[in-house]
PDB file of N, CA and C in Angstrom:
ATOM      1  N   MET A   1     104.897  89.781 115.647  1.00  0.00           N
ATOM      2  CA  MET A   1     106.220  89.382 115.526  1.00  0.00           C
ATOM      3  C   MET A   1     106.861  90.213 114.126  1.00  0.00           C
ATOM      4  N   MET A   2     108.080  90.312 114.325  1.00  0.00           N
ATOM      5  CA  MET A   2     108.788  91.239 113.444  1.00  0.00           C
ATOM      6  C   MET A   2     108.993  90.441 111.869  1.00  0.00           C
ATOM      7  N   LYS A   3     109.015  89.270 112.044  1.00  0.00           N
ATOM      8  CA  LYS A   3     109.137  88.944 110.662  1.00  0.00           C
ATOM      9  C   LYS A   3     108.294  89.058 109.739  1.00  0.00           C
ATOM     10  N   ASN A   4     106.976  89.452 110.114  1.00  0.00           N
ATOM     11  CA  ASN A   4     105.749  89.906 109.647  1.00  0.00           C
ATOM     12  C   ASN A   4     105.966  91.272 109.065  1.00  0.00           C
ATOM     13  N   GLU A   5     106.876  91.688 109.240  1.00  0.00           N
ATOM     14  CA  GLU A   5     107.198  93.551 108.770  1.00  0.00           C
ATOM     15  C   GLU A   5     108.426  93.382 107.449  1.00  0.00           C
ATOM     16  N   PHE A   6     109.125  92.112 107.157  1.00  0.00           N
ATOM     17  CA  PHE A   6     109.955  91.796 105.967  1.00  0.00           C
ATOM     18  C   PHE A   6     109.437  90.872 105.091  1.00  0.00           C
ATOM     19  N   ALA A   7     109.783  91.292 103.589  1.00  0.00           N
ATOM     20  CA  ALA A   7     109.440  90.755 102.631  1.00  0.00           C
ATOM     21  C   ALA A   7     109.942  89.112 102.754  1.00  0.00           C
ATOM     22  N   PRO A   8     109.133  88.327 102.232  1.00  0.00           N
ATOM     23  CA  PRO A   8     109.720  86.724 102.454  1.00  0.00           C
ATOM     24  C   PRO A   8     110.911  86.574 101.356  1.00  0.00           C
ATOM     25  N   TYR A   9     111.666  85.677 101.659  1.00  0.00           N
ATOM     26  CA  TYR A   9     112.639  85.142 101.048  1.00  0.00           C
ATOM     27  C   TYR A   9     112.717  85.193  99.569  1.00  0.00           C
ATOM     28  N   ASP A  10     111.743  84.638  98.814  1.00  0.00           N
ATOM     29  CA  ASP A  10     111.877  84.524  97.334  1.00  0.00           C
ATOM     30  C   ASP A  10     111.782  86.240  96.793  1.00  0.00           C
ATOM     31  N   LEU A  11     110.783  87.030  97.476  1.00  0.00           N
ATOM     32  CA  LEU A  11     110.374  88.144  97.064  1.00  0.00           C
ATOM     33  C   LEU A  11     111.894  89.342  97.174  1.00  0.00           C
ATOM     34  N   ALA A  12     112.861  88.825  98.533  1.00  0.00           N
ATOM     35  CA  ALA A  12     113.694  89.715  98.811  1.00  0.00           C
ATOM     36  C   ALA A  12     114.824  89.105  97.431  1.00  0.00           C
ATOM     37  N   LEU A  13     115.017  88.002  97.259  1.00  0.00           N
ATOM     38  CA  LEU A  13     115.880  87.631  96.102  1.00  0.00           C
ATOM     39  C   LEU A  13     115.388  88.137  94.949  1.00  0.00           C
ATOM     40  N   ALA A  14     114.259  87.995  94.363  1.00  0.00           N
ATOM     41  CA  ALA A  14     113.706  88.709  93.153  1.00  0.00           C
ATOM     42  C   ALA A  14     114.112  90.385  93.253  1.00  0.00           C
ATOM     43  N   MET A  15     113.993  90.601  94.133  1.00  0.00           N
ATOM     44  CA  MET A  15     114.531  92.336  94.281  1.00  0.00           C
ATOM     45  C   MET A  15     115.940  92.487  94.565  1.00  0.00           C
ATOM     46  N   LYS A  16     116.704  91.824  94.841  1.00  0.00           N
ATOM     47  CA  LYS A  16     118.440  91.438  94.718  1.00  0.00           C
ATOM     48  C   LYS A  16     118.432  91.588  93.187  1.00  0.00           C
ATOM     49  N   GLU A  17     117.826  90.717  92.609  1.00  0.00           N
ATOM     50  CA  GLU A  17     118.245  90.630  91.300  1.00  0.00           C
ATOM     51  C   GLU A  17     117.720  91.917  90.417  1.00  0.00           C
ATOM     52  N   LEU A  18     116.731  92.463  90.943  1.00  0.00           N
ATOM     53  CA  LEU A  18     116.441  94.005  89.931  1.00  0.00           C
ATOM     54  C   LEU A  18     117.250  94.801  90.698  1.00  0.00           C
ATOM     55  N   GLY A  19     118.193  94.493  91.287  1.00  0.00           N
ATOM     56  CA  GLY A  19     118.865  95.927  91.983  1.00  0.00           C
ATOM     57  C   GLY A  19     119.115  96.127  93.435  1.00  0.00           C
ATOM     58  N   PHE A  20     118.205  95.711  93.913  1.00  0.00           N
ATOM     59  CA  PHE A  20     117.810  96.182  95.496  1.00  0.00           C
ATOM     60  C   PHE A  20     119.294  96.261  96.574  1.00  0.00           C
ATOM     61  N   ASP A  21     119.654  97.172  96.842  1.00  0.00           N
ATOM     62  CA  ASP A  21     121.002  97.002  97.589  1.00  0.00           C
ATOM     63  C   ASP A  21     120.845  98.148  98.603  1.00  0.00           C
ATOM     64  N   GLU A  22     119.961  98.383  99.093  1.00  0.00           N
ATOM     65  CA  GLU A  22     119.814  99.765 100.239  1.00  0.00           C
ATOM     66  C   GLU A  22     120.334  98.831 101.698  1.00  0.00           C
ATOM     67  N   ASP A  23     120.470  99.831 102.542  1.00  0.00           N
ATOM     68  CA  ASP A  23     120.840  99.331 103.963  1.00  0.00           C
ATOM     69  C   ASP A  23     119.781  98.617 104.532  1.00  0.00           C
ATOM     70  N   VAL A  24     119.840  98.001 105.127  1.00  0.00           N
ATOM     71  CA  VAL A  24     118.277  97.086 105.912  1.00  0.00           C
ATOM     72  C   VAL A  24     118.898  96.799 107.306  1.00  0.00           C
ATOM     73  N   CYS A  25     118.091  96.048 108.249  1.00  0.00           N
ATOM     74  CA  CYS A  25     118.331  95.380 109.295  1.00  0.00           C
ATOM     75  C   CYS A  25     118.055  94.064 109.460  1.00  0.00           C
ATOM     76  N   GLY A  26     117.626  93.489 108.041  1.00  0.00           N
ATOM     77  CA  GLY A  26     117.357  91.982 108.434  1.00  0.00           C
ATOM     78  C   GLY A  26     118.149  91.583 107.133  1.00  0.00           C
ATOM     79  N   TYR A  27     118.404  90.266 107.171  1.00  0.00           N
ATOM     80  CA  TYR A  27     119.179  89.367 106.402  1.00  0.00           C
ATOM     81  C   TYR A  27     118.614  87.719 106.515  1.00  0.00           C
ATOM     82  N   PHE A  28     118.733  87.349 105.133  1.00  0.00           N
ATOM     83  CA  PHE A  28     118.070  85.895 105.300  1.00  0.00           C
ATOM     84  C   PHE A  28     119.312  85.207 105.216  1.00  0.00           C
ATOM     85  N   GLY A  29     119.819  83.927 106.421  1.00  0.00           N
ATOM     86  CA  GLY A  29     120.939  83.030 106.135  1.00  0.00           C
ATOM     87  C   GLY A  29     120.583  81.733 105.587  1.00  0.00           C
ATOM     88  N   LYS A  30     121.175  80.638 106.233  1.00  0.00           N
ATOM     89  CA  LYS A  30     121.052  79.187 105.883  1.00  0.00           C
ATOM     90  C   LYS A  30     119.550  79.194 106.433  1.00  0.00           C
ATOM     91  N   GLY A  31     118.892  78.296 105.203  1.00  0.00           N
ATOM     92  CA  GLY A  31     117.611  77.772 105.496  1.00  0.00           C
ATOM     93  C   GLY A  31     116.380  78.915 105.698  1.00  0.00           C
ATOM     94  N   ASN A  32     116.853  80.096 104.829  1.00  0.00           N
ATOM     95  CA  ASN A  32     116.108  81.249 104.618  1.00  0.00           C
ATOM     96  C   ASN A  32     115.448  81.852 105.815  1.00  0.00           C
ATOM     97  N   LYS A  33     116.402  81.676 107.082  1.00  0.00           N
ATOM     98  CA  LYS A  33     116.329  82.057 108.185  1.00  0.00           C
ATOM     99  C   LYS A  33     116.273  83.522 108.348  1.00  0.00           C
ATOM    100  N   LEU A  34     115.371  84.099 108.899  1.00  0.00           N
ATOM    101  CA  LEU A  34     115.653  85.591 108.905  1.00  0.00           C
ATOM    102  C   LEU A  34     116.410  86.225 110.274  1.00  0.00           C
ATOM    103  N   PHE A  35     117.385  86.840 110.205  1.00  0.00           N
ATOM    104  CA  PHE A  35     118.164  87.495 110.872  1.00  0.00           C
ATOM    105  C   PHE A  35     118.003  89.070 111.217  1.00  0.00           C
ATOM    106  N   ILE A  36     117.978  89.833 112.491  1.00  0.00           N
ATOM    107  CA  ILE A  36     117.724  91.103 112.728  1.00  0.00           C
ATOM    108  C   ILE A  36     118.950  91.463 113.210  1.00  0.00           C
ATOM    109  N   VAL A  37     119.536  92.573 112.474  1.00  0.00           N
ATOM    110  CA  VAL A  37     121.032  93.010 113.247  1.00  0.00           C
ATOM    111  C   VAL A  37     120.792  94.513 113.727  1.00  0.00           C
ATOM    112  N   THR A  38     121.930  94.874 114.218  1.00  0.00           N
ATOM    113  CA  THR A  38     122.225  96.399 114.470  1.00  0.00           C
ATOM    114  C   THR A  38     122.819  96.854 113.209  1.00  0.00           C
ATOM    115  N   PRO A  39     122.761  98.415 113.226  1.00  0.00           N
ATOM    116  CA  PRO A  39     123.482  98.897 111.761  1.00  0.00           C
ATOM    117  C   PRO A  39     124.784  98.607 112.003  1.00  0.00           C
ATOM    118  N   GLU A  40     125.372  98.674 112.827  1.00  0.00           N
ATOM    119  CA  GLU A  40     127.193  98.773 112.974  1.00  0.00           C
ATOM    120  C   GLU A  40     127.485  97.736 112.310  1.00  0.00           C
ATOM    121  N   TYR A  41     126.553  96.197 112.216  1.00  0.00           N
ATOM    122  CA  TYR A  41     127.125  95.237 111.315  1.00  0.00           C
ATOM    123  C   TYR A  41     126.399  94.997 110.168  1.00  0.00           C
ATOM    124  N   ASN A  42     125.573  96.201 109.571  1.00  0.00           N
ATOM    125  CA  ASN A  42     125.533  95.994 108.069  1.00  0.00           C
ATOM    126  C   ASN A  42     126.355  95.850 107.205  1.00  0.00           C
ATOM    127  N   ASP A  43     127.676  96.464 107.274  1.00  0.00           N
ATOM    128  CA  ASP A  43     128.716  96.382 106.580  1.00  0.00           C
ATOM    129  C   ASP A  43     129.223  95.220 106.118  1.00  0.00           C
ATOM    130  N   VAL A  44     129.073  93.998 107.183  1.00  0.00           N
ATOM    131  CA  VAL A  44     130.180  93.375 107.190  1.00  0.00           C
ATOM    132  C   VAL A  44     129.093  91.847 106.580  1.00  0.00           C
ATOM    133  N   ILE A  45     128.129  91.947 106.766  1.00  0.00           N
ATOM    134  CA  ILE A  45     127.255  90.829 106.264  1.00  0.00           C
ATOM    135  C   ILE A  45     127.167  90.764 105.058  1.00  0.00           C
ATOM    136  N   LYS A  46     127.328  89.781 104.774  1.00  0.00           N
ATOM    137  CA  LYS A  46     127.075  89.310 103.150  1.00  0.00           C
ATOM    138  C   LYS A  46     126.031  88.497 102.379  1.00  0.00           C
ATOM    139  N   LEU A  47     125.021  88.348 103.637  1.00  0.00           N
ATOM    140  CA  LEU A  47     123.845  87.395 103.525  1.00  0.00           C
ATOM    141  C   LEU A  47     122.738  88.171 102.479  1.00  0.00           C
ATOM    142  N   LEU A  48     121.590  87.354 102.078  1.00  0.00           N
ATOM    143  CA  LEU A  48     120.901  88.023 101.209  1.00  0.00           C
ATOM    144  C   LEU A  48     119.910  89.331 102.186  1.00  0.00           C
ATOM    145  N   LYS A  49     120.016  90.353 101.656  1.00  0.00           N
ATOM    146  CA  LYS A  49     119.251  91.497 102.209  1.00  0.00           C
ATOM    147  C   LYS A  49     117.454  91.342 102.338  1.00  0.00           C
ATOM    148  N   ALA A  50     117.007  91.863 103.500  1.00  0.00           N
ATOM    149  CA  ALA A  50     115.569  91.299 103.661  1.00  0.00           C
ATOM    150  C   ALA A  50     114.890  92.496 104.008  1.00  0.00           C
ATOM    151  N   PRO A  51     114.427  93.332 103.056  1.00  0.00           N
ATOM    152  CA  PRO A  51     113.891  94.503 102.872  1.00  0.00           C
ATOM    153  C   PRO A  51     112.344  94.267 103.501  1.00  0.00           C
ATOM    154  N   THR A  52     112.124  95.485 104.761  1.00  0.00           N
ATOM    155  CA  THR A  52     110.782  95.445 105.311  1.00  0.00           C
ATOM    156  C   THR A  52     109.968  96.047 103.989  1.00  0.00           C
ATOM    157  N   TYR A  53     108.634  95.675 104.052  1.00  0.00           N
ATOM    158  CA  TYR A  53     107.644  96.374 103.184  1.00  0.00           C
ATOM    159  C   TYR A  53     107.638  97.420 102.924  1.00  0.00           C
ATOM    160  N   SER A  54     107.841  98.522 103.966  1.00  0.00           N
ATOM    161  CA  SER A  54     107.939  99.982 103.713  1.00  0.00           C
ATOM    162  C   SER A  54     109.343 100.336 102.714  1.00  0.00           C
ATOM    163  N   GLN A  55     110.364  99.727 103.178  1.00  0.00           N
ATOM    164  CA  GLN A  55     111.779  99.800 102.303  1.00  0.00           C
ATOM    165  C   GLN A  55     111.572  99.195 100.833  1.00  0.00           C
ATOM    166  N   ALA A  56     110.886  97.942 100.754  1.00  0.00           N
ATOM    167  CA  ALA A  56     110.451  97.843  99.378  1.00  0.00           C
ATOM    168  C   ALA A  56     109.496  98.342  98.571  1.00  0.00           C
ATOM    169  N   PHE A  57     108.470  99.157  99.325  1.00  0.00           N
ATOM    170  CA  PHE A  57     107.372  99.984  98.438  1.00  0.00           C
ATOM    171  C   PHE A  57     108.045 101.167  98.188  1.00  0.00           C
ATOM    172  N   ARG A  58     108.934 101.653  99.029  1.00  0.00           N
ATOM    173  CA  ARG A  58     109.694 102.815  98.863  1.00  0.00           C
ATOM    174  C   ARG A  58     110.762 102.955  97.789  1.00  0.00           C
ATOM    175  N   TRP A  59     111.302 101.723  97.575  1.00  0.00           N
ATOM    176  CA  TRP A  59     112.399 101.532  96.815  1.00  0.00           C
ATOM    177  C   TRP A  59     111.564 101.553  95.176  1.00  0.00           C
ATOM    178  N   PHE A  60     110.634 100.917  95.112  1.00  0.00           N
ATOM    179  CA  PHE A  60     110.265 100.464  93.355  1.00  0.00           C
ATOM    180  C   PHE A  60     109.227 101.996  93.731  1.00  0.00           C
ATOM    181  N   ARG A  61     108.981 103.191  94.623  1.00  0.00           N
ATOM    182  CA  ARG A  61     108.609 104.439  94.263  1.00  0.00           C
ATOM    183  C   ARG A  61     109.481 105.029  93.743  1.00  0.00           C
ATOM    184  N   GLU A  62     110.980 105.288  94.189  1.00  0.00           N
ATOM    185  CA  GLU A  62     111.879 106.323  93.902  1.00  0.00           C
ATOM    186  C   GLU A  62     112.716 105.459  92.535  1.00  0.00           C
ATOM    187  N   LYS A  63     113.027 104.181  92.564  1.00  0.00           N
ATOM    188  CA  LYS A  63     113.872 103.743  91.275  1.00  0.00           C
ATOM    189  C   LYS A  63     112.663 103.631  89.992  1.00  0.00           C
ATOM    190  N   TYR A  64     111.406 103.186  90.182  1.00  0.00           N
ATOM    191  CA  TYR A  64     110.966 102.916  89.208  1.00  0.00           C
ATOM    192  C   TYR A  64     109.431 103.893  88.815  1.00  0.00           C
ATOM    193  N   SER A  65     109.276 104.740  89.845  1.00  0.00           N
ATOM    194  CA  SER A  65     108.118 105.559  89.864  1.00  0.00           C
ATOM    195  C   SER A  65     106.954 104.717  89.787  1.00  0.00           C
ATOM    196  N   LEU A  66     106.774 103.460  90.495  1.00  0.00           N
ATOM    197  CA  LEU A  66     105.675 102.797  90.837  1.00  0.00           C
ATOM    198  C   LEU A  66     105.255 102.747  92.189  1.00  0.00           C
ATOM    199  N   TYR A  67     104.073 103.329  91.969  1.00  0.00           N
ATOM    200  CA  TYR A  67     103.133 103.422  93.314  1.00  0.00           C
ATOM    201  C   TYR A  67     102.169 102.366  93.241  1.00  0.00           C
ATOM    202  N   HIS A  68     101.442 101.872  94.518  1.00  0.00           N
ATOM    203  CA  HIS A  68     100.682 100.877  94.822  1.00  0.00           C
ATOM    204  C   HIS A  68      99.666 101.570  95.952  1.00  0.00           C
ATOM    205  N   ILE A  69      98.292 100.967  96.031  1.00  0.00           N
ATOM    206  CA  ILE A  69      97.240 101.756  96.729  1.00  0.00           C
ATOM    207  C   ILE A  69      96.334 100.291  97.282  1.00  0.00           C
ATOM    208  N   ILE A  70      96.319 100.433  98.633  1.00  0.00           N
ATOM    209  CA  ILE A  70      95.684  99.203  99.217  1.00  0.00           C
ATOM    210  C   ILE A  70      94.497  99.959  99.835  1.00  0.00           C
ATOM    211  N   ALA A  71      93.227  99.822  99.632  1.00  0.00           N
ATOM    212  CA  ALA A  71      92.413 100.214 100.142  1.00  0.00           C
ATOM    213  C   ALA A  71      90.943  99.175 100.949  1.00  0.00           C
ATOM    214  N   LEU A  72      90.603  99.095 101.798  1.00  0.00           N
ATOM    215  CA  LEU A  72      89.329  98.404 102.445  1.00  0.00           C
ATOM    216  C   LEU A  72      88.129  98.721 101.391  1.00  0.00           C
ATOM    217  N   SER A  73      87.558  97.591 101.060  1.00  0.00           N
ATOM    218  CA  SER A  73      86.238  97.919 100.296  1.00  0.00           C
ATOM    219  C   SER A  73      85.473  96.700 100.880  1.00  0.00           C
ATOM    220  N   GLY A  74      84.731  97.147 101.757  1.00  0.00           N
ATOM    221  CA  GLY A  74      83.768  95.915 102.148  1.00  0.00           C
ATOM    222  C   GLY A  74      84.337  95.174 103.204  1.00  0.00           C
ATOM    223  N   ASP A  75      84.607  94.012 102.753  1.00  0.00           N
ATOM    224  CA  ASP A  75      85.041  92.992 103.535  1.00  0.00           C
ATOM    225  C   ASP A  75      86.566  92.487 102.978  1.00  0.00           C
ATOM    226  N   VAL A  76      87.241  93.205 101.965  1.00  0.00           N
ATOM    227  CA  VAL A  76      88.098  92.785 101.300  1.00  0.00           C
ATOM    228  C   VAL A  76      89.030  94.093 101.230  1.00  0.00           C
ATOM    229  N   PHE A  77      89.978  93.494 101.046  1.00  0.00           N
ATOM    230  CA  PHE A  77      91.513  94.689 100.609  1.00  0.00           C
ATOM    231  C   PHE A  77      91.441  94.745  99.190  1.00  0.00           C
ATOM    232  N   LEU A  78      91.851  95.834  98.526  1.00  0.00           N
ATOM    233  CA  LEU A  78      91.783  95.825  97.128  1.00  0.00           C
ATOM    234  C   LEU A  78      93.198  96.610  96.893  1.00  0.00           C
ATOM    235  N   CYS A  79      94.004  95.570  96.263  1.00  0.00           N
ATOM    236  CA  CYS A  79      95.502  96.280  95.785  1.00  0.00           C
ATOM    237  C   CYS A  79      95.535  96.796  94.327  1.00  0.00           C
ATOM    238  N   THR A  80      95.854  97.958  94.075  1.00  0.00           N
ATOM    239  CA  THR A  80      95.969  97.970  92.941  1.00  0.00           C
ATOM    240  C   THR A  80      97.685  98.718  92.689  1.00  0.00           C
ATOM    241  N   ILE A  81      98.043  98.832  91.436  1.00  0.00           N
ATOM    242  CA  ILE A  81      99.273  99.651  90.974  1.00  0.00           C
ATOM    243  C   ILE A  81      98.944 100.588  89.760  1.00  0.00           C
ATOM    244  N   ASP A  82      99.397 101.750  90.307  1.00  0.00           N
ATOM    245  CA  ASP A  82      99.136 102.970  89.399  1.00  0.00           C
ATOM    246  C   ASP A  82      99.192 103.127  87.806  1.00  0.00           C
ATOM    247  N   ILE A  83     100.300 102.041  87.550  1.00  0.00           N
ATOM    248  CA  ILE A  83     100.318 102.099  85.809  1.00  0.00           C
ATOM    249  C   ILE A  83      99.661 100.884  85.202  1.00  0.00           C
ATOM    250  N   SER A  84      98.921 100.296  85.904  1.00  0.00           N
ATOM    251  CA  SER A  84      98.493  98.885  85.133  1.00  0.00           C
ATOM    252  C   SER A  84      97.109  98.939  85.783  1.00  0.00           C
ATOM    253  N   SER A  85      96.158  98.260  84.925  1.00  0.00           N
ATOM    254  CA  SER A  85      94.683  98.126  85.212  1.00  0.00           C
ATOM    255  C   SER A  85      94.568  96.851  86.157  1.00  0.00           C
ATOM    256  N   TRP A  86      95.746  96.345  86.808  1.00  0.00           N
ATOM    257  CA  TRP A  86      95.677  95.291  87.580  1.00  0.00           C
ATOM    258  C   TRP A  86      95.267  95.800  88.761  1.00  0.00           C
ATOM    259  N   THR A  87      93.878  95.052  89.509  1.00  0.00           N
ATOM    260  CA  THR A  87      93.877  94.928  91.270  1.00  0.00           C
ATOM    261  C   THR A  87      93.396  93.395  91.671  1.00  0.00           C
ATOM    262  N   ASP A  88      93.768  93.294  92.653  1.00  0.00           N
ATOM    263  CA  ASP A  88      93.511  92.316  93.575  1.00  0.00           C
ATOM    264  C   ASP A  88      92.961  92.378  94.665  1.00  0.00           C
ATOM    265  N   LYS A  89      92.263  91.329  94.814  1.00  0.00           N
ATOM    266  CA  LYS A  89      91.223  91.531  96.422  1.00  0.00           C
ATOM    267  C   LYS A  89      91.789  90.210  97.038  1.00  0.00           C
ATOM    268  N   THR A  90      92.167  90.690  98.558  1.00  0.00           N
ATOM    269  CA  THR A  90      92.764  89.918  99.459  1.00  0.00           C
ATOM    270  C   THR A  90      91.472  90.131 100.607  1.00  0.00           C
ATOM    271  N   LYS A  91      92.156  89.037 101.567  1.00  0.00           N
ATOM    272  CA  LYS A  91      90.983  89.146 102.914  1.00  0.00           C
ATOM    273  C   LYS A  91      91.651  89.847 104.016  1.00  0.00           C
ATOM    274  N   THR A  92      92.669  90.188 103.847  1.00  0.00           N
ATOM    275  CA  THR A  92      93.666  90.893 104.933  1.00  0.00           C
ATOM    276  C   THR A  92      94.855  91.983 104.289  1.00  0.00           C
ATOM    277  N   TYR A  93      95.064  93.006 105.152  1.00  0.00           N
ATOM    278  CA  TYR A  93      96.365  93.871 104.647  1.00  0.00           C
ATOM    279  C   TYR A  93      97.807  93.034 104.439  1.00  0.00           C
ATOM    280  N   ASP A  94      97.716  92.506 104.906  1.00  0.00           N
ATOM    281  CA  ASP A  94      99.458  91.571 105.038  1.00  0.00           C
ATOM    282  C   ASP A  94      99.314  90.818 103.579  1.00  0.00           C
ATOM    283  N   GLU A  95      97.985  90.327 103.117  1.00  0.00           N
ATOM    284  CA  GLU A  95      97.897  89.359 101.909  1.00  0.00           C
ATOM    285  C   GLU A  95      97.816  90.460 100.860  1.00  0.00           C
ATOM    286  N   ALA A  96      97.421  91.581 101.170  1.00  0.00           N
ATOM    287  CA  ALA A  96      97.507  92.618 100.115  1.00  0.00           C
ATOM    288  C   ALA A  96      98.701  93.369  99.580  1.00  0.00           C
ATOM    289  N   GLU A  97      99.509  93.727 100.824  1.00  0.00           N
ATOM    290  CA  GLU A  97     101.079  93.888 100.765  1.00  0.00           C
ATOM    291  C   GLU A  97     101.766  92.919  99.833  1.00  0.00           C
ATOM    292  N   LEU A  98     101.867  91.642 100.446  1.00  0.00           N
ATOM    293  CA  LEU A  98     102.435  90.636  99.424  1.00  0.00           C
ATOM    294  C   LEU A  98     101.931  90.300  98.183  1.00  0.00           C
ATOM    295  N   ALA A  99     100.722  90.316  97.850  1.00  0.00           N
ATOM    296  CA  ALA A  99     100.475  90.594  96.333  1.00  0.00           C
ATOM    297  C   ALA A  99     100.769  91.503  95.831  1.00  0.00           C
ATOM    298  N   CYS A 100     100.770  93.001  96.088  1.00  0.00           N
ATOM    299  CA  CYS A 100     101.438  94.289  95.467  1.00  0.00           C
ATOM    300  C   CYS A 100     102.813  94.092  95.368  1.00  0.00           C
ATOM    301  N   LEU A 101     103.445  93.726  96.502  1.00  0.00           N
ATOM    302  CA  LEU A 101     104.869  93.683  96.211  1.00  0.00           C
ATOM    303  C   LEU A 101     105.211  92.355  94.734  1.00  0.00           C
ATOM    304  N   LYS A 102     104.543  91.451  94.707  1.00  0.00           N
ATOM    305  CA  LYS A 102     104.681  90.357  93.900  1.00  0.00           C
ATOM    306  C   LYS A 102     104.552  91.023  92.603  1.00  0.00           C
ATOM    307  N   LYS A 103     103.425  91.836  92.435  1.00  0.00           N
ATOM    308  CA  LYS A 103     103.055  92.548  90.946  1.00  0.00           C
ATOM    309  C   LYS A 103     104.022  93.530  90.759  1.00  0.00           C
ATOM    310  N   LEU A 104     104.436  94.155  91.640  1.00  0.00           N
ATOM    311  CA  LEU A 104     105.640  95.508  91.406  1.00  0.00           C
ATOM    312  C   LEU A 104     107.048  94.509  90.653  1.00  0.00           C
ATOM    313  N   ILE A 105     107.315  93.432  91.117  1.00  0.00           N
ATOM    314  CA  ILE A 105     108.445  92.892  90.908  1.00  0.00           C
ATOM    315  C   ILE A 105     107.948  92.534  89.340  1.00  0.00           C
ATOM    316  N   GLU A 106     106.923  91.662  89.188  1.00  0.00           N
ATOM    317  CA  GLU A 106     106.726  91.199  87.764  1.00  0.00           C
ATOM    318  C   GLU A 106     106.402  92.241  87.068  1.00  0.00           C
ATOM    319  N   ILE A 107     105.831  93.627  87.126  1.00  0.00           N
ATOM    320  CA  ILE A 107     105.984  94.420  86.190  1.00  0.00           C
ATOM    321  C   ILE A 107     107.844  95.053  85.826  1.00  0.00           C
ATOM    322  N   VAL A 108     108.250  95.101  86.791  1.00  0.00           N
ATOM    323  CA  VAL A 108     109.893  95.736  86.625  1.00  0.00           C
ATOM    324  C   VAL A 108     110.397  94.520  85.620  1.00  0.00           C
ATOM    325  N   LYS A 109     110.442  93.291  86.055  1.00  0.00           N
ATOM    326  CA  LYS A 109     111.162  92.372  85.462  1.00  0.00           C
ATOM    327  C   LYS A 109     110.499  92.041  83.573  1.00  0.00           C
ATOM    328  N   ASN A 110     109.039  92.159  83.344  1.00  0.00           N
ATOM    329  CA  ASN A 110     108.668  92.390  82.311  1.00  0.00           C
ATOM    330  C   ASN A 110     109.342  93.603  81.478  1.00  0.00           C
ATOM    331  N   LYS A 111     109.112  95.007  82.228  1.00  0.00           N
ATOM    332  CA  LYS A 111     109.934  95.775  81.697  1.00  0.00           C
ATOM    333  C   LYS A 111     111.090  95.655  81.415  1.00  0.00           C
ATOM    334  N   GLU A 112     112.128  95.200  81.873  1.00  0.00           N
ATOM    335  CA  GLU A 112     113.316  95.058  81.678  1.00  0.00           C
ATOM    336  C   GLU A 112     113.456  94.079  80.693  1.00  0.00           C
ATOM    337  N   SER A 113     112.767  92.955  80.303  1.00  0.00           N
ATOM    338  CA  SER A 113     113.175  92.220  79.862  1.00  0.00           C
ATOM    339  C   SER A 113     112.416  92.219  78.197  1.00  0.00           C
ATOM    340  N   VAL A 114     111.805  93.478  78.070  1.00  0.00           N
ATOM    341  CA  VAL A 114     111.616  93.818  76.422  1.00  0.00           C
ATOM    342  C   VAL A 114     112.736  94.854  75.982  1.00  0.00           C
TER     343      VAL A 114
END
C-alpha cells in the first residue's frame, strides 16, 4: 500500500516545523487523509507535505548531517542514529524506520532549543 511509503501526519507536521519544504507527491488533507498527486500539481497544493521515508531520511542527512542505520540482529531490527548512543529494538523494519524518524526529529528539536 502506498501510504506505508510516507511519514505519518504527526511526523510530517514536525518536519514542516523544522523547515522541511521539499518537492513531494504526497499531501495530507482534511482528516489527515493522504493524497498522492502528479508533479505538475505540486505548485498549487497548499496542504501539509507528506515526505516519503526516503525523502525524510535524505533531508536529515543533507540538512543536519544526521545518519541512521537499521540492521537486522537475530529476530529484531536495531535502529541507531550515528551521533547518539541511542538504539531502539523493533519487530519490523517499518517500525524501525518510524522509530528512527521520531528520534531524528527529537534530536533536531533539542538542538534548536538550546
